[in-house]
Amino acid sequence: MTVVSILEQQRLFSPLAVKMEEKIMNLIIKYYGDKVWIQCEFENCLKWRILSSEDASVVDSNKPWYCNMNPNSSFSSCSVAEERYPEESAFHKYGLKLVYSQLPLGSLVLSKMSGWPSWPSILCPDPYTGEYVNYDEDGDVEGYHTEFLGNPHTRTWIAVRHIESYQPMTFTWISLDLCVT
């Protein structure tokens, strides 16, 4: 039984329980609001850690992230237990929404529009709404606002299934020895 469910039962009997529930809600909002969850990519760890939005903004999404990169020294080791977090339903109960996004603002991506080849673009805010990502009611990403590179600058919303992280092409030069027999 969780603290929240105990309080739900006691709420029927005590105004004090209602005040305690409000305090818990404020603590949840204060602690988890404006935070980013990131997963350690060490195959024997894979624990989730919480970063402030400031700390998360400097993480390079094209490189692996490991616990020892966590600025919070209390959780900067794979040997430390995963950070605890409330059930998603507790967030919803207090009006908070979990958002699942893989690509941060400013990411270089390949975007595919119908009838056109995939083209490099940058995730950027829509000049009309100020948003760069659309979510469904469950917090899953539906699409990103992109600006295509090149002239003329073209902007549009692209469904998430038509966007992939940009990986520059690499070439390997090989020498072919031709043998004539």
Protein backbone atom coordinates (compact mmCIF):
# COMPACT_ATOMS: atom_id res chain seq x y z
CA MET A 1 0.00 0.00 0.00
CA THR A 2 1.42 3.38 -0.98
CA VAL A 3 1.32 6.63 0.97
CA VAL A 4 -1.07 8.04 -1.62
CA SER A 5 -3.53 5.13 -1.30
CA ILE A 6 -3.44 5.34 2.52
CA LEU A 7 -4.22 9.04 2.28
CA GLU A 8 -7.08 8.32 -0.12
CA GLN A 9 -8.63 6.03 2.48
CA GLN A 10 -8.11 8.51 5.31
CA ARG A 11 -9.39 11.48 3.30
CA LEU A 12 -12.93 10.33 3.96
CA PHE A 13 -12.32 10.70 7.69
CA SER A 14 -9.94 13.58 8.17
CA PRO A 15 -9.43 17.09 6.79
CA LEU A 16 -5.83 16.74 8.01
CA ALA A 17 -5.31 13.93 5.48
CA VAL A 18 -6.47 16.27 2.71
CA LYS A 19 -3.87 18.85 3.79
CA MET A 20 -1.19 16.14 3.88
CA GLU A 21 -2.19 15.06 0.38
CA GLU A 22 -1.82 18.65 -0.85
CA LYS A 23 1.65 18.83 0.70
CA ILE A 24 2.63 15.57 -0.99
CA MET A 25 1.33 16.91 -4.30
CA ASN A 26 3.42 20.06 -3.89
CA LEU A 27 6.51 17.97 -3.05
CA ILE A 28 5.98 15.77 -6.11
CA ILE A 29 5.58 18.82 -8.35
CA LYS A 30 8.62 20.52 -6.80
CA TYR A 31 10.86 17.46 -7.09
CA TYR A 32 9.74 15.97 -10.41
CA GLY A 33 8.55 19.06 -12.26
CA ASP A 34 10.96 20.24 -14.96
CA LYS A 35 13.15 17.13 -14.62
CA VAL A 36 14.39 14.69 -17.25
CA TRP A 37 14.83 10.94 -16.86
CA ILE A 38 17.87 9.45 -18.59
CA GLN A 39 18.97 5.83 -18.78
CA CYS A 40 22.51 4.55 -18.21
CA GLU A 41 23.63 2.74 -21.34
CA PHE A 42 26.07 0.39 -19.63
CA GLU A 43 24.59 -3.03 -20.50
CA ASN A 44 24.93 -4.34 -16.92
CA CYS A 45 23.23 -1.28 -15.42
CA LEU A 46 20.44 0.29 -17.55
CA LYS A 47 19.22 2.26 -14.49
CA TRP A 48 17.19 5.44 -14.86
CA ARG A 49 18.47 8.67 -13.31
CA ILE A 50 16.90 12.10 -12.85
CA LEU A 51 18.63 15.16 -14.26
CA SER A 52 17.61 18.78 -13.96
CA SER A 53 16.53 20.27 -17.26
CA GLU A 54 19.73 22.37 -17.16
CA ASP A 55 21.95 19.30 -16.77
CA ALA A 56 19.99 17.42 -19.44
CA SER A 57 20.41 20.28 -21.92
CA VAL A 58 24.16 19.63 -22.15
CA VAL A 59 23.81 15.87 -22.74
CA ASP A 60 24.77 14.91 -26.29
CA SER A 61 21.92 12.68 -27.48
CA ASN A 62 24.19 11.15 -30.13
CA LYS A 63 26.59 9.75 -27.52
CA PRO A 64 25.97 7.14 -24.82
CA TRP A 65 25.25 8.34 -21.29
CA TYR A 66 26.48 6.53 -18.17
CA CYS A 67 25.77 6.90 -14.45
CA ASN A 68 29.27 8.30 -13.80
CA MET A 69 28.30 11.31 -15.96
CA ASN A 70 25.53 12.26 -13.50
CA PRO A 71 26.31 15.59 -11.77
CA ASN A 72 24.37 14.33 -8.72
CA SER A 73 27.11 12.46 -6.83
CA SER A 74 24.49 10.47 -4.87
CA PHE A 75 23.50 8.70 -8.11
CA SER A 76 26.70 8.83 -10.16
CA SER A 77 27.58 5.15 -9.86
CA CYS A 78 26.04 2.05 -11.40
CA SER A 79 26.32 0.36 -8.00
CA VAL A 80 23.76 2.78 -6.51
CA ALA A 81 20.11 1.69 -6.66
CA GLU A 82 17.84 3.21 -9.29
CA GLU A 83 16.11 6.41 -8.22
CA ARG A 84 12.58 5.86 -6.97
CA TYR A 85 9.65 7.54 -8.61
CA PRO A 86 5.89 7.53 -8.14
CA GLU A 87 3.61 5.48 -10.34
CA GLU A 88 2.48 7.31 -13.47
CA SER A 89 -1.06 7.39 -12.08
CA ALA A 90 0.17 9.51 -9.14
CA PHE A 91 1.49 12.10 -11.58
CA HIS A 92 -1.84 12.14 -13.45
CA LYS A 93 -3.77 12.46 -10.19
CA TYR A 94 -1.95 15.72 -9.42
CA GLY A 95 -2.30 17.14 -12.91
CA LEU A 96 1.22 16.29 -14.06
CA LYS A 97 1.91 14.62 -17.37
CA LEU A 98 4.83 12.39 -18.24
CA VAL A 99 6.23 13.16 -21.66
CA TYR A 100 8.32 10.67 -23.62
CA SER A 101 10.65 12.33 -26.10
CA GLN A 102 13.78 10.97 -27.71
CA LEU A 103 15.02 14.02 -29.56
CA PRO A 104 15.82 17.37 -27.93
CA LEU A 105 15.19 20.77 -29.49
CA GLY A 106 17.92 21.61 -32.02
CA SER A 107 18.62 17.98 -32.96
CA LEU A 108 19.86 17.35 -36.48
CA VAL A 109 17.60 14.72 -38.06
CA LEU A 110 16.62 13.19 -41.38
CA SER A 111 12.99 13.96 -42.20
CA LYS A 112 10.92 12.22 -44.87
CA MET A 113 7.97 13.86 -46.61
CA SER A 114 5.74 11.99 -49.04
CA GLY A 115 7.10 12.27 -52.57
CA TRP A 116 10.49 13.57 -51.43
CA PRO A 117 13.73 11.88 -50.34
CA SER A 118 14.81 11.98 -46.69
CA TRP A 119 16.46 15.34 -46.08
CA PRO A 120 18.56 16.82 -43.24
CA SER A 121 16.58 19.13 -41.00
CA ILE A 122 16.69 20.64 -37.53
CA LEU A 123 14.05 20.30 -34.83
CA CYS A 124 12.97 23.86 -34.11
CA PRO A 125 9.98 25.65 -32.57
CA ASP A 126 6.97 26.32 -34.75
CA PRO A 127 6.96 30.13 -35.21
CA TYR A 128 3.20 30.21 -34.58
CA THR A 129 2.89 27.97 -31.51
CA GLY A 130 6.40 28.07 -30.04
CA GLU A 131 6.32 24.27 -29.69
CA TYR A 132 8.65 21.85 -31.45
CA VAL A 133 6.97 18.57 -30.51
CA ASN A 134 3.36 17.31 -30.42
CA TYR A 135 2.25 14.66 -27.94
CA ASP A 136 -0.75 12.38 -27.79
CA GLU A 137 -2.88 12.20 -24.63
CA ASP A 138 -0.56 9.51 -23.17
CA GLY A 139 2.50 11.74 -23.50
CA ASP A 140 3.96 9.86 -26.47
CA VAL A 141 5.51 11.91 -29.27
CA GLU A 142 3.33 12.21 -32.38
CA GLY A 143 5.44 14.60 -34.44
CA TYR A 144 8.20 17.19 -34.54
CA HIS A 145 8.39 20.62 -36.14
CA THR A 146 11.37 20.70 -38.49
CA GLU A 147 13.19 23.19 -40.66
CA PHE A 148 14.83 21.64 -43.70
CA LEU A 149 18.41 22.62 -44.48
CA GLY A 150 19.11 24.35 -47.78
CA ASN A 151 17.40 27.05 -49.79
CA PRO A 152 14.65 27.94 -49.50
CA HIS A 153 14.17 27.32 -45.78
CA THR A 154 11.11 25.15 -45.46
CA ARG A 155 9.30 24.33 -42.21
CA THR A 156 6.70 21.70 -41.47
CA TRP A 157 5.41 19.21 -38.92
CA ILE A 158 6.61 15.65 -39.56
CA ALA A 159 5.16 12.47 -38.00
CA VAL A 160 7.63 10.81 -35.64
CA ARG A 161 7.71 7.65 -37.80
CA HIS A 162 9.22 9.74 -40.65
CA ILE A 163 12.09 11.16 -38.57
CA GLU A 164 15.38 9.54 -37.66
CA SER A 165 18.49 10.81 -35.95
CA TYR A 166 20.97 12.12 -38.49
CA GLN A 167 24.08 9.99 -38.89
CA PRO A 168 26.59 11.42 -41.34
CA MET A 169 27.77 9.01 -44.00
CA THR A 170 31.18 7.50 -43.50
CA PHE A 171 33.25 6.09 -46.27
CA THR A 172 35.90 3.42 -46.07
CA TRP A 173 38.47 3.44 -48.81
CA ILE A 174 39.64 0.04 -49.90
CA SER A 175 42.18 -0.89 -52.48
CA LEU A 176 41.30 -3.52 -54.99
CA ASP A 177 44.08 -5.60 -56.42
CA LEU A 178 42.98 -6.89 -59.77
CA CYS A 179 44.55 -10.12 -60.77
CA VAL A 180 44.56 -11.13 -64.39
CA THR A 181 45.25 -14.78 -65.04
